């Protein structure tokens, strides 16, 4: 098997494991008012990007609840 393919297989497996934990942790982090964007992307860089390298990245976006109600005490 090609070295690049072996590296990509490892990265895909790491991403799969990360996502499985993230799915399990979702209810817990939402209790802390941290909301995960379900559009988590995994991108593989084309084999011709840089000779001899296997590259991939993923992005996880989060939103944190912020209470924007007016509080008079903050304006004294």
Protein backbone atom coordinates (compact mmCIF):
# COMPACT_ATOMS: atom_id res chain seq x y z
CA UNK A 1 0.00 0.00 0.00
CA UNK A 2 1.23 3.46 -0.85
CA UNK A 3 2.63 5.45 2.11
CA UNK A 4 0.29 8.37 1.47
CA UNK A 5 -2.74 6.08 1.45
CA UNK A 6 -1.67 4.55 4.77
CA UNK A 7 -1.33 8.05 6.30
CA UNK A 8 -4.74 9.11 4.96
CA UNK A 9 -6.33 5.95 6.36
CA UNK A 10 -4.88 6.79 9.80
CA UNK A 11 -6.16 10.38 9.58
CA UNK A 12 -9.63 9.19 8.57
CA UNK A 13 -9.69 6.78 11.51
CA UNK A 14 -8.57 9.55 13.91
CA UNK A 15 -11.33 11.80 12.59
CA UNK A 16 -13.88 9.00 12.99
CA UNK A 17 -12.80 8.43 16.60
CA UNK A 18 -12.87 12.16 17.35
CA UNK A 19 -16.38 12.46 15.92
CA UNK A 20 -17.66 9.45 17.88
CA UNK A 21 -16.50 11.07 21.14
CA UNK A 22 -17.88 14.46 20.08
CA UNK A 23 -21.30 12.90 19.44
CA UNK A 24 -21.26 11.29 22.89
CA UNK A 25 -20.20 14.57 24.53
CA UNK A 26 -22.78 16.73 22.75
CA UNK A 27 -25.45 16.62 25.51
CA UNK A 28 -22.85 17.45 28.17
CA UNK A 29 -21.39 20.46 26.35
CA UNK A 30 -24.88 21.74 25.56
CA UNK A 31 -25.55 21.80 29.31
CA UNK A 32 -22.73 24.36 29.42
CA UNK A 33 -24.48 26.34 26.64
CA UNK A 34 -21.91 25.36 24.03
CA UNK A 35 -23.56 24.37 20.79
CA UNK A 36 -21.75 22.45 18.07
CA UNK A 37 -22.41 23.31 14.46
CA UNK A 38 -23.45 20.03 12.79
CA UNK A 39 -21.63 21.01 9.60
CA UNK A 40 -18.23 19.62 10.61
CA UNK A 41 -16.10 19.30 7.52
CA UNK A 42 -13.19 16.99 6.80
CA UNK A 43 -11.03 18.00 3.87
CA UNK A 44 -8.26 16.00 2.27
CA UNK A 45 -5.58 17.90 0.40
CA UNK A 46 -4.99 16.51 -3.06
CA UNK A 47 -1.98 14.21 -3.49
CA UNK A 48 -0.36 16.76 -5.79
CA UNK A 49 -0.41 19.52 -3.17
CA UNK A 50 3.07 18.80 -1.82
CA UNK A 51 5.23 15.90 -2.89
CA UNK A 52 5.55 13.16 -0.30
CA UNK A 53 2.99 14.61 2.13
CA UNK A 54 -0.46 13.49 3.17
CA UNK A 55 -2.57 16.35 4.49
CA UNK A 56 -6.08 16.70 5.85
CA UNK A 57 -7.92 19.08 8.14
CA UNK A 58 -11.27 19.36 9.79
CA UNK A 59 -13.17 22.29 11.20
CA UNK A 60 -15.47 22.34 14.20
CA UNK A 61 -17.49 25.48 14.81
CA UNK A 62 -19.11 26.23 18.15
CA UNK A 63 -21.50 28.84 19.44
CA UNK A 64 -21.55 29.84 23.07
CA UNK A 65 -24.81 31.12 24.50
CA UNK A 66 -24.57 34.77 25.48
CA UNK A 67 -27.27 36.44 27.52
CA UNK A 68 -27.85 39.81 25.79
CA UNK A 69 -30.61 41.04 28.05
CA UNK A 70 -30.24 44.56 29.39
CA UNK A 71 -28.75 44.65 32.89
CA UNK A 72 -28.97 48.03 34.63
CA UNK A 73 -26.13 47.13 37.02
CA UNK A 74 -23.70 47.00 34.09
CA UNK A 75 -24.50 50.64 33.24
CA UNK A 76 -24.11 52.31 36.64
